[in-house]
Amino acid sequence: IHHQHYPTRADAQAAVQEYIESFYNRQRRHSRLGYIPPALFADNFYQQSQAA
């Protein structure tokens, strides 16, 4: 993503969305969430809310 040149705005937007989905939400650990990735936190939250 960094220092990349994209031919169209749509290409840039697709690359940013892919980055957010593949790394930012799935792998990056967040201190506010107990050092787990946001996607895992959301999965745990939904499982707990369905069990209740």
N, C-alpha and C. Protein backbone atom coordinates (compact mmCIF):
# COMPACT_ATOMS: atom_id res chain seq x y z
N ILE A 1 0.83 -1.18 0.00
CA ILE A 1 0.00 0.00 0.00
C ILE A 1 0.88 1.26 0.00
N HIS A 2 1.88 1.27 0.87
CA HIS A 2 2.72 2.46 0.99
C HIS A 2 3.54 2.68 -0.28
N HIS A 3 3.53 3.89 -0.74
CA HIS A 3 4.32 4.32 -1.89
C HIS A 3 3.97 3.57 -3.17
N GLN A 4 2.76 3.11 -3.25
CA GLN A 4 2.28 2.45 -4.47
C GLN A 4 1.55 3.49 -5.32
N HIS A 5 1.61 3.34 -6.61
CA HIS A 5 0.86 4.19 -7.52
C HIS A 5 -0.20 3.32 -8.20
N TYR A 6 -1.42 3.78 -8.19
CA TYR A 6 -2.52 3.02 -8.76
C TYR A 6 -3.08 3.78 -9.96
N PRO A 7 -3.45 3.07 -11.01
CA PRO A 7 -3.94 3.74 -12.20
C PRO A 7 -5.29 4.44 -11.99
N THR A 8 -6.11 3.92 -11.10
CA THR A 8 -7.42 4.54 -10.86
C THR A 8 -7.69 4.60 -9.37
N ARG A 9 -8.62 5.45 -9.02
CA ARG A 9 -9.04 5.56 -7.63
C ARG A 9 -9.68 4.25 -7.15
N ALA A 10 -10.39 3.59 -8.03
CA ALA A 10 -11.02 2.31 -7.68
C ALA A 10 -9.97 1.26 -7.34
N ASP A 11 -8.87 1.24 -8.07
CA ASP A 11 -7.79 0.29 -7.77
C ASP A 11 -7.18 0.58 -6.41
N ALA A 12 -6.98 1.85 -6.11
CA ALA A 12 -6.42 2.23 -4.81
C ALA A 12 -7.38 1.85 -3.68
N GLN A 13 -8.65 2.11 -3.89
CA GLN A 13 -9.65 1.78 -2.88
C GLN A 13 -9.71 0.27 -2.64
N ALA A 14 -9.64 -0.51 -3.69
CA ALA A 14 -9.65 -1.97 -3.56
C ALA A 14 -8.42 -2.45 -2.78
N ALA A 15 -7.27 -1.85 -3.04
CA ALA A 15 -6.05 -2.24 -2.34
C ALA A 15 -6.13 -1.91 -0.85
N VAL A 16 -6.69 -0.75 -0.54
CA VAL A 16 -6.84 -0.36 0.87
C VAL A 16 -7.82 -1.29 1.57
N GLN A 17 -8.92 -1.61 0.95
CA GLN A 17 -9.89 -2.52 1.55
C GLN A 17 -9.29 -3.89 1.78
N GLU A 18 -8.50 -4.36 0.84
CA GLU A 18 -7.85 -5.66 0.98
C GLU A 18 -6.86 -5.63 2.15
N TYR A 19 -6.11 -4.54 2.27
CA TYR A 19 -5.17 -4.39 3.39
C TYR A 19 -5.90 -4.42 4.73
N ILE A 20 -6.99 -3.70 4.81
CA ILE A 20 -7.75 -3.66 6.06
C ILE A 20 -8.28 -5.04 6.41
N GLU A 21 -8.83 -5.73 5.45
CA GLU A 21 -9.39 -7.06 5.72
C GLU A 21 -8.31 -8.10 5.99
N SER A 22 -7.22 -8.06 5.24
CA SER A 22 -6.23 -9.14 5.36
C SER A 22 -5.26 -8.93 6.51
N PHE A 23 -4.91 -7.71 6.83
CA PHE A 23 -3.95 -7.49 7.91
C PHE A 23 -4.56 -6.76 9.09
N TYR A 24 -5.11 -5.60 8.86
CA TYR A 24 -5.50 -4.72 9.95
C TYR A 24 -6.54 -5.36 10.86
N ASN A 25 -7.52 -6.03 10.30
CA ASN A 25 -8.57 -6.64 11.12
C ASN A 25 -8.28 -8.08 11.53
N ARG A 26 -7.43 -8.77 10.82
CA ARG A 26 -7.22 -10.20 11.07
C ARG A 26 -5.95 -10.52 11.84
N GLN A 27 -4.90 -9.73 11.67
CA GLN A 27 -3.61 -10.08 12.27
C GLN A 27 -3.14 -9.09 13.32
N ARG A 28 -3.39 -7.81 13.12
CA ARG A 28 -2.88 -6.78 14.01
C ARG A 28 -3.52 -6.92 15.38
N ARG A 29 -2.72 -6.93 16.41
CA ARG A 29 -3.23 -7.03 17.77
C ARG A 29 -3.51 -5.65 18.31
N HIS A 30 -4.60 -5.53 19.05
CA HIS A 30 -5.03 -4.24 19.57
C HIS A 30 -5.00 -4.27 21.09
N SER A 31 -4.28 -3.35 21.70
CA SER A 31 -4.12 -3.35 23.16
C SER A 31 -5.45 -3.14 23.87
N ARG A 32 -6.34 -2.36 23.32
CA ARG A 32 -7.63 -2.08 23.96
C ARG A 32 -8.53 -3.33 23.99
N LEU A 33 -8.26 -4.26 23.10
CA LEU A 33 -9.07 -5.48 23.01
C LEU A 33 -8.40 -6.67 23.69
N GLY A 34 -7.43 -6.40 24.54
CA GLY A 34 -6.74 -7.49 25.22
C GLY A 34 -5.69 -8.15 24.35
N TYR A 35 -5.12 -7.39 23.43
CA TYR A 35 -4.06 -7.86 22.54
C TYR A 35 -4.50 -9.03 21.66
N ILE A 36 -5.72 -8.95 21.18
CA ILE A 36 -6.20 -9.90 20.17
C ILE A 36 -6.64 -9.10 18.94
N PRO A 37 -6.62 -9.71 17.78
CA PRO A 37 -7.04 -9.00 16.56
C PRO A 37 -8.53 -8.64 16.62
N PRO A 38 -8.92 -7.53 16.01
CA PRO A 38 -10.32 -7.11 16.02
C PRO A 38 -11.28 -8.17 15.47
N ALA A 39 -10.88 -8.90 14.45
CA ALA A 39 -11.77 -9.92 13.88
C ALA A 39 -12.03 -11.04 14.89
N LEU A 40 -11.00 -11.46 15.63
CA LEU A 40 -11.17 -12.49 16.64
C LEU A 40 -12.03 -11.98 17.79
N PHE A 41 -11.84 -10.73 18.17
CA PHE A 41 -12.66 -10.13 19.21
C PHE A 41 -14.14 -10.13 18.79
N ALA A 42 -14.40 -9.76 17.54
CA ALA A 42 -15.78 -9.75 17.04
C ALA A 42 -16.37 -11.15 17.03
N ASP A 43 -15.59 -12.13 16.59
CA ASP A 43 -16.08 -13.53 16.59
C ASP A 43 -16.43 -13.98 18.00
N ASN A 44 -15.56 -13.69 18.95
CA ASN A 44 -15.82 -14.06 20.34
C ASN A 44 -17.06 -13.36 20.88
N PHE A 45 -17.21 -12.10 20.54
CA PHE A 45 -18.37 -11.33 20.99
C PHE A 45 -19.67 -11.94 20.46
N TYR A 46 -19.71 -12.27 19.17
CA TYR A 46 -20.92 -12.84 18.59
C TYR A 46 -21.22 -14.22 19.17
N GLN A 47 -20.20 -15.01 19.44
CA GLN A 47 -20.42 -16.33 20.04
C GLN A 47 -20.99 -16.19 21.44
N GLN A 48 -20.49 -15.24 22.21
CA GLN A 48 -20.98 -15.03 23.57
C GLN A 48 -22.41 -14.49 23.57
N SER A 49 -22.71 -13.60 22.62
CA SER A 49 -24.06 -13.03 22.58
C SER A 49 -25.09 -14.07 22.13
N GLN A 50 -24.69 -15.03 21.30
CA GLN A 50 -25.62 -16.07 20.88
C GLN A 50 -25.83 -17.12 21.96
N ALA A 51 -24.82 -17.31 22.81
CA ALA A 51 -24.92 -18.29 23.89
C ALA A 51 -25.80 -17.79 25.02
N ALA A 52 -25.93 -16.48 25.12
CA ALA A 52 -26.71 -15.91 26.23
C ALA A 52 -28.18 -15.90 25.96
